[in-house]
Amino acid sequence: MEHIFDSLSKGRVLMLKLIDGLSMEQLNKTPEGSNNNIVWNIAHLVVTQQLLCYKLSGLPCLVSDEMIELYRKGTAPTKVVTKEEFDEIKSLFISLPLKFEEDYKKRIFQEYSAYTTSVNVTLEDIKSAATFNLFHEGIHLGAVLGLRKLV
């Protein structure tokens, strides 16, 4: 699992470096033909990791219910996110993988409700969830790279 935690943290740092210097207008812009924007992608990754790893393990998520409702699978941007709100999202984006690793080492992930993803991968335990989460993060890294060119 150590390599999963390392990859998750490094991938997220890379993603923030890729968008460094973009204005809030650019980060919030949903280009024509797109369903979402850069802010949504970053927040969606925060929420998805929490749902896949914590909620399906029967544990409370470390983000608000409001954030989950705004950024879970099947949602799209509904409002312009302020700099202050995005700063909080970025803080969670960087800190929650570290908390996940800490919680894993404390062995709090004892239960898991099997879940079949939209790409037909069945997650049966915390290790399969963490591994799939990396795949999901890669998909959204690609989306952010594409959006960055359009904003």
Protein backbone atom coordinates (compact mmCIF):
# COMPACT_ATOMS: atom_id res chain seq x y z
CA MET A 1 0.00 0.00 0.00
CA GLU A 2 2.93 2.33 0.56
CA HIS A 3 3.35 2.89 -3.20
CA ILE A 4 -0.37 3.68 -3.51
CA PHE A 5 -0.17 6.39 -0.86
CA ASP A 6 2.99 7.80 -2.43
CA SER A 7 1.47 7.82 -5.93
CA LEU A 8 -1.72 9.45 -4.68
CA SER A 9 0.12 12.26 -2.89
CA LYS A 10 2.60 12.88 -5.72
CA GLY A 11 -0.13 12.83 -8.34
CA ARG A 12 -2.11 15.44 -6.47
CA VAL A 13 0.90 17.71 -6.01
CA LEU A 14 1.57 17.40 -9.76
CA MET A 15 -2.03 18.26 -10.60
CA LEU A 16 -1.88 21.44 -8.52
CA LYS A 17 1.42 22.42 -10.19
CA LEU A 18 -0.22 22.00 -13.59
CA ILE A 19 -2.93 24.51 -12.75
CA ASP A 20 -0.75 26.93 -10.80
CA GLY A 21 -1.06 30.41 -12.22
CA LEU A 22 -4.55 29.96 -13.67
CA SER A 23 -7.07 32.59 -12.59
CA MET A 24 -10.24 31.72 -10.70
CA GLU A 25 -12.12 32.62 -13.88
CA GLN A 26 -10.10 30.02 -15.80
CA LEU A 27 -10.47 27.42 -13.04
CA ASN A 28 -14.25 27.91 -12.98
CA LYS A 29 -14.71 28.04 -16.77
CA THR A 30 -16.64 25.15 -18.29
CA PRO A 31 -15.58 25.19 -21.94
CA GLU A 32 -18.19 24.63 -24.63
CA GLY A 33 -18.63 20.92 -25.14
CA SER A 34 -17.40 20.07 -21.63
CA ASN A 35 -19.51 18.95 -18.70
CA ASN A 36 -17.29 20.37 -15.98
CA ASN A 37 -14.34 22.57 -15.11
CA ILE A 38 -10.99 22.32 -13.35
CA VAL A 39 -12.36 23.25 -9.92
CA TRP A 40 -15.02 20.56 -10.21
CA ASN A 41 -12.44 17.91 -11.19
CA ILE A 42 -10.22 18.69 -8.18
CA ALA A 43 -13.16 18.69 -5.75
CA HIS A 44 -14.60 15.55 -7.36
CA LEU A 45 -11.35 13.69 -6.65
CA VAL A 46 -11.49 14.74 -3.00
CA VAL A 47 -15.06 13.48 -2.68
CA THR A 48 -14.59 10.26 -4.65
CA GLN A 49 -11.62 9.12 -2.58
CA GLN A 50 -13.66 9.70 0.56
CA LEU A 51 -16.66 7.77 -0.73
CA LEU A 52 -14.64 4.85 -2.12
CA CYS A 53 -12.35 4.48 0.86
CA TYR A 54 -14.21 5.76 3.92
CA LYS A 55 -17.93 5.52 3.23
CA LEU A 56 -17.75 2.05 1.69
CA SER A 57 -15.69 1.00 4.72
CA GLY A 58 -18.56 2.11 6.96
CA LEU A 59 -16.59 5.10 8.22
CA PRO A 60 -17.57 8.77 8.24
CA CYS A 61 -16.26 10.86 5.37
CA LEU A 62 -13.85 13.64 6.27
CA VAL A 63 -15.63 16.17 4.04
CA SER A 64 -19.03 17.78 4.44
CA ASP A 65 -22.24 16.30 3.10
CA GLU A 66 -22.65 19.52 1.11
CA MET A 67 -19.31 18.96 -0.62
CA ILE A 68 -20.27 15.37 -1.40
CA GLU A 69 -23.56 16.47 -2.93
CA LEU A 70 -21.87 19.14 -5.06
CA TYR A 71 -19.04 16.99 -6.44
CA ARG A 72 -20.05 13.32 -6.39
CA LYS A 73 -20.31 11.21 -9.54
CA GLY A 74 -23.07 12.44 -11.82
CA THR A 75 -22.86 16.09 -10.78
CA ALA A 76 -21.72 19.13 -12.71
CA PRO A 77 -20.63 22.60 -11.64
CA THR A 78 -23.55 24.56 -10.21
CA LYS A 79 -21.83 27.71 -8.96
CA VAL A 80 -18.74 29.83 -9.28
CA VAL A 81 -16.24 28.78 -6.61
CA THR A 82 -14.44 31.62 -4.83
CA LYS A 83 -10.69 31.72 -4.21
CA GLU A 84 -11.32 31.07 -0.51
CA GLU A 85 -13.46 28.03 -1.29
CA PHE A 86 -10.88 26.71 -3.75
CA ASP A 87 -8.10 27.22 -1.21
CA GLU A 88 -10.07 24.95 1.16
CA ILE A 89 -10.60 22.37 -1.61
CA LYS A 90 -6.86 22.41 -2.38
CA SER A 91 -6.04 22.00 1.31
CA LEU A 92 -8.26 18.90 1.48
CA PHE A 93 -6.82 17.67 -1.82
CA ILE A 94 -3.32 17.62 -0.32
CA SER A 95 -4.07 16.71 3.31
CA LEU A 96 -6.60 13.90 2.96
CA PRO A 97 -4.22 11.41 1.27
CA LEU A 98 -1.90 11.84 4.27
CA LYS A 99 -4.81 11.27 6.65
CA PHE A 100 -5.83 8.21 4.62
CA GLU A 101 -2.36 6.72 5.00
CA GLU A 102 -2.37 7.49 8.73
CA ASP A 103 -5.81 5.91 9.16
CA TYR A 104 -4.77 2.86 7.15
CA LYS A 105 -1.77 2.36 9.41
CA LYS A 106 -4.14 2.58 12.40
CA ARG A 107 -6.07 -0.31 10.79
CA ILE A 108 -9.42 1.46 10.89
CA PHE A 109 -10.49 0.01 7.51
CA GLN A 110 -11.85 -3.32 8.75
CA GLU A 111 -15.14 -3.60 6.86
CA TYR A 112 -15.93 -2.96 3.20
CA SER A 113 -19.20 -2.99 1.26
CA ALA A 114 -18.43 -4.38 -2.19
CA TYR A 115 -19.11 -1.87 -4.95
CA THR A 116 -19.03 -2.25 -8.73
CA THR A 117 -17.81 0.92 -10.44
CA SER A 118 -19.14 2.45 -13.65
CA VAL A 119 -16.28 0.75 -15.54
CA ASN A 120 -17.36 -2.64 -14.17
CA VAL A 121 -14.55 -3.05 -11.62
CA THR A 122 -15.75 -4.57 -8.36
CA LEU A 123 -14.09 -3.19 -5.26
CA GLU A 124 -14.08 -5.69 -2.43
CA ASP A 125 -11.72 -4.22 0.16
CA ILE A 126 -9.75 -1.10 1.01
CA LYS A 127 -6.78 -2.16 -1.12
CA SER A 128 -8.86 -2.60 -4.25
CA ALA A 129 -10.60 0.73 -3.51
CA ALA A 130 -7.29 2.57 -3.08
CA THR A 131 -5.91 1.00 -6.26
CA PHE A 132 -9.01 1.89 -8.28
CA ASN A 133 -8.92 5.39 -6.85
CA LEU A 134 -5.49 5.90 -8.46
CA PHE A 135 -6.93 4.83 -11.83
CA HIS A 136 -9.79 7.30 -11.31
CA GLU A 137 -7.35 10.07 -10.41
CA GLY A 138 -5.47 9.41 -13.67
CA ILE A 139 -8.65 9.82 -15.69
CA HIS A 140 -9.27 13.20 -14.09
CA LEU A 141 -5.63 14.26 -14.51
CA GLY A 142 -6.22 13.77 -18.22
CA ALA A 143 -9.43 15.80 -18.01
CA VAL A 144 -7.63 18.64 -16.21
CA LEU A 145 -4.86 18.63 -18.83
CA GLY A 146 -7.47 18.89 -21.55
CA LEU A 147 -9.41 21.64 -19.78
CA ARG A 148 -6.22 23.61 -19.13
CA LYS A 149 -5.74 23.93 -22.90
CA LEU A 150 -9.28 25.24 -23.37
CA VAL A 151 -9.40 27.88 -20.64
